[in-house]
């Protein structure tokens, strides 16, 4: 993710793993024109989410749900990260990494669109 005008450029693809409506709303507002929002964590009942069809159309957005993946998919993902994942700048996608004891500071951090929390 690059910088545009002093702020982080909008992501083209956003993965939502927590399953919270607030996170989905946040990513819908953040993803770039023509972007894809992938919902992985929304596997349990929760509050309804209002989505503006006009925004989906004007911004050419795609929302995709992912569920019922097989164990082999996890194996493939781990193999990708172990073998070829080093070729991609995954570490650059996360700013400061906080220890779990400093989770409040991590949630308050605003210098990077993503922070890490280490258990």
C-alpha atoms as a PDB file:
ATOM      1  CA  UNK A   1       0.000   0.000   0.000  1.00  0.00           C
ATOM      2  CA  UNK A   2       1.508   3.286  -1.056  1.00  0.00           C
ATOM      3  CA  UNK A   3       1.002   6.831   0.143  1.00  0.00           C
ATOM      4  CA  UNK A   4      -1.212   9.359  -1.599  1.00  0.00           C
ATOM      5  CA  UNK A   5      -1.167  12.943  -0.427  1.00  0.00           C
ATOM      6  CA  UNK A   6       0.382  12.075   2.932  1.00  0.00           C
ATOM      7  CA  UNK A   7      -2.062   9.300   3.720  1.00  0.00           C
ATOM      8  CA  UNK A   8      -2.137   5.638   2.899  1.00  0.00           C
ATOM      9  CA  UNK A   9      -3.576   4.766  -0.509  1.00  0.00           C
ATOM     10  CA  UNK A  10      -6.879   2.905  -0.451  1.00  0.00           C
ATOM     11  CA  UNK A  11      -6.555  -0.881  -0.648  1.00  0.00           C
ATOM     12  CA  UNK A  12      -7.781  -2.657  -3.769  1.00  0.00           C
ATOM     13  CA  UNK A  13      -8.569  -5.823  -1.817  1.00  0.00           C
ATOM     14  CA  UNK A  14      -9.547  -5.827   1.848  1.00  0.00           C
ATOM     15  CA  UNK A  15      -9.894  -8.950   3.993  1.00  0.00           C
ATOM     16  CA  UNK A  16     -12.260  -8.745   6.967  1.00  0.00           C
ATOM     17  CA  UNK A  17     -11.525 -11.508   9.448  1.00  0.00           C
ATOM     18  CA  UNK A  18     -13.128 -10.358  12.724  1.00  0.00           C
ATOM     19  CA  UNK A  19     -16.773 -10.725  11.727  1.00  0.00           C
ATOM     20  CA  UNK A  20     -17.861  -7.438  13.284  1.00  0.00           C
ATOM     21  CA  UNK A  21     -20.287  -5.158  11.471  1.00  0.00           C
ATOM     22  CA  UNK A  22     -18.186  -2.125  12.458  1.00  0.00           C
ATOM     23  CA  UNK A  23     -15.128  -3.584  10.718  1.00  0.00           C
ATOM     24  CA  UNK A  24     -17.130  -4.364   7.576  1.00  0.00           C
ATOM     25  CA  UNK A  25     -18.519  -0.790   7.522  1.00  0.00           C
ATOM     26  CA  UNK A  26     -15.022   0.612   7.983  1.00  0.00           C
ATOM     27  CA  UNK A  27     -13.577  -1.424   5.132  1.00  0.00           C
ATOM     28  CA  UNK A  28     -16.482  -0.600   2.810  1.00  0.00           C
ATOM     29  CA  UNK A  29     -15.682   3.066   3.355  1.00  0.00           C
ATOM     30  CA  UNK A  30     -11.945   2.473   2.845  1.00  0.00           C
ATOM     31  CA  UNK A  31     -11.601   0.128  -0.135  1.00  0.00           C
ATOM     32  CA  UNK A  32     -10.630   1.791  -3.429  1.00  0.00           C
ATOM     33  CA  UNK A  33     -12.841   2.251  -6.483  1.00  0.00           C
ATOM     34  CA  UNK A  34     -13.137  -1.133  -8.181  1.00  0.00           C
ATOM     35  CA  UNK A  35     -12.067  -2.817  -4.953  1.00  0.00           C
ATOM     36  CA  UNK A  36     -13.051  -6.140  -3.464  1.00  0.00           C
ATOM     37  CA  UNK A  37     -14.088  -6.667   0.155  1.00  0.00           C
ATOM     38  CA  UNK A  38     -13.649 -10.298   1.229  1.00  0.00           C
ATOM     39  CA  UNK A  39     -15.658 -11.340   4.294  1.00  0.00           C
ATOM     40  CA  UNK A  40     -14.174 -14.342   6.070  1.00  0.00           C
ATOM     41  CA  UNK A  41     -15.027 -13.768   9.741  1.00  0.00           C
ATOM     42  CA  UNK A  42     -18.787 -13.245   9.461  1.00  0.00           C
ATOM     43  CA  UNK A  43     -19.763 -16.829  10.233  1.00  0.00           C
ATOM     44  CA  UNK A  44     -22.087 -16.223  13.186  1.00  0.00           C
ATOM     45  CA  UNK A  45     -25.309 -14.209  13.586  1.00  0.00           C
ATOM     46  CA  UNK A  46     -24.784 -10.520  14.215  1.00  0.00           C
ATOM     47  CA  UNK A  47     -26.423  -7.189  13.552  1.00  0.00           C
ATOM     48  CA  UNK A  48     -27.613  -6.393  10.049  1.00  0.00           C
ATOM     49  CA  UNK A  49     -25.389  -4.191   7.951  1.00  0.00           C
ATOM     50  CA  UNK A  50     -26.810  -1.362   5.854  1.00  0.00           C
ATOM     51  CA  UNK A  51     -25.136  -1.218   2.453  1.00  0.00           C
ATOM     52  CA  UNK A  52     -25.770   1.575  -0.028  1.00  0.00           C
ATOM     53  CA  UNK A  53     -26.438   0.052  -3.458  1.00  0.00           C
ATOM     54  CA  UNK A  54     -25.595   3.436  -4.986  1.00  0.00           C
ATOM     55  CA  UNK A  55     -22.100   3.324  -3.437  1.00  0.00           C
ATOM     56  CA  UNK A  56     -21.567  -0.261  -4.610  1.00  0.00           C
ATOM     57  CA  UNK A  57     -22.453   0.748  -8.161  1.00  0.00           C
ATOM     58  CA  UNK A  58     -20.668   4.111  -8.311  1.00  0.00           C
ATOM     59  CA  UNK A  59     -17.496   2.751  -6.715  1.00  0.00           C
ATOM     60  CA  UNK A  60     -17.657  -0.557  -8.659  1.00  0.00           C
ATOM     61  CA  UNK A  61     -17.260  -2.553  -5.436  1.00  0.00           C
ATOM     62  CA  UNK A  62     -17.449  -6.316  -5.044  1.00  0.00           C
ATOM     63  CA  UNK A  63     -18.297  -8.001  -1.749  1.00  0.00           C
ATOM     64  CA  UNK A  64     -17.324 -11.651  -1.589  1.00  0.00           C
ATOM     65  CA  UNK A  65     -17.991 -14.116   1.222  1.00  0.00           C
ATOM     66  CA  UNK A  66     -15.632 -17.022   1.897  1.00  0.00           C
ATOM     67  CA  UNK A  67     -16.789 -20.007   3.948  1.00  0.00           C
ATOM     68  CA  UNK A  68     -16.332 -23.751   4.197  1.00  0.00           C
ATOM     69  CA  UNK A  69     -12.736 -23.929   3.128  1.00  0.00           C
ATOM     70  CA  UNK A  70     -11.078 -27.318   3.367  1.00  0.00           C
ATOM     71  CA  UNK A  71      -8.031 -28.225   5.495  1.00  0.00           C
ATOM     72  CA  UNK A  72      -5.963 -28.394   2.303  1.00  0.00           C
ATOM     73  CA  UNK A  73      -6.544 -24.665   1.814  1.00  0.00           C
ATOM     74  CA  UNK A  74      -4.898 -23.927   5.160  1.00  0.00           C
ATOM     75  CA  UNK A  75      -2.035 -26.236   4.208  1.00  0.00           C
ATOM     76  CA  UNK A  76      -1.620 -24.400   0.889  1.00  0.00           C
ATOM     77  CA  UNK A  77      -1.619 -21.022   2.636  1.00  0.00           C
ATOM     78  CA  UNK A  78       1.022 -22.125   5.145  1.00  0.00           C
ATOM     79  CA  UNK A  79       3.152 -23.562   2.330  1.00  0.00           C
ATOM     80  CA  UNK A  80       2.823 -20.302   0.379  1.00  0.00           C
ATOM     81  CA  UNK A  81       3.990 -18.256   3.350  1.00  0.00           C
ATOM     82  CA  UNK A  82       6.852 -20.662   4.098  1.00  0.00           C
ATOM     83  CA  UNK A  83       8.062 -21.033   0.507  1.00  0.00           C
ATOM     84  CA  UNK A  84       7.135 -18.068  -1.631  1.00  0.00           C
ATOM     85  CA  UNK A  85       5.705 -15.594   0.805  1.00  0.00           C
ATOM     86  CA  UNK A  86       9.079 -13.941   1.341  1.00  0.00           C
ATOM     87  CA  UNK A  87       8.881 -12.442  -2.147  1.00  0.00           C
ATOM     88  CA  UNK A  88       5.991 -10.214  -1.115  1.00  0.00           C
ATOM     89  CA  UNK A  89       6.228  -7.238   1.276  1.00  0.00           C
ATOM     90  CA  UNK A  90       3.739  -8.543   3.855  1.00  0.00           C
ATOM     91  CA  UNK A  91       5.675  -6.957   6.737  1.00  0.00           C
ATOM     92  CA  UNK A  92       5.209  -3.526   5.148  1.00  0.00           C
ATOM     93  CA  UNK A  93       1.445  -3.932   5.428  1.00  0.00           C
ATOM     94  CA  UNK A  94       1.596  -3.624   9.222  1.00  0.00           C
ATOM     95  CA  UNK A  95       2.989  -0.621  11.067  1.00  0.00           C
ATOM     96  CA  UNK A  96       4.066  -0.803  14.694  1.00  0.00           C
ATOM     97  CA  UNK A  97       3.652  -4.147  16.481  1.00  0.00           C
ATOM     98  CA  UNK A  98       2.531  -3.887  20.110  1.00  0.00           C
ATOM     99  CA  UNK A  99       2.700  -6.512  22.856  1.00  0.00           C
ATOM    100  CA  UNK A 100      -0.702  -7.750  24.040  1.00  0.00           C
ATOM    101  CA  UNK A 101      -0.340  -5.768  27.272  1.00  0.00           C
ATOM    102  CA  UNK A 102      -0.420  -2.567  25.171  1.00  0.00           C
ATOM    103  CA  UNK A 103      -3.556  -3.401  23.170  1.00  0.00           C
ATOM    104  CA  UNK A 104      -5.134  -0.051  24.141  1.00  0.00           C
ATOM    105  CA  UNK A 105      -2.177   1.797  22.624  1.00  0.00           C
ATOM    106  CA  UNK A 106      -2.441  -0.390  19.503  1.00  0.00           C
ATOM    107  CA  UNK A 107      -6.121   0.485  19.085  1.00  0.00           C
ATOM    108  CA  UNK A 108      -5.342   4.184  19.547  1.00  0.00           C
ATOM    109  CA  UNK A 109      -2.441   4.200  17.050  1.00  0.00           C
ATOM    110  CA  UNK A 110      -3.176   6.282  13.962  1.00  0.00           C
ATOM    111  CA  UNK A 111       0.172   6.462  12.146  1.00  0.00           C
ATOM    112  CA  UNK A 112      -0.482   3.431   9.933  1.00  0.00           C
ATOM    113  CA  UNK A 113      -3.726   1.876   8.717  1.00  0.00           C
ATOM    114  CA  UNK A 114      -2.769  -1.389  10.440  1.00  0.00           C
ATOM    115  CA  UNK A 115      -0.968  -2.220  13.631  1.00  0.00           C
ATOM    116  CA  UNK A 116      -0.018  -5.609  14.984  1.00  0.00           C
ATOM    117  CA  UNK A 117      -0.681  -7.109  18.394  1.00  0.00           C
ATOM    118  CA  UNK A 118       1.716  -9.848  19.477  1.00  0.00           C
ATOM    119  CA  UNK A 119       0.404 -12.370  22.061  1.00  0.00           C
END
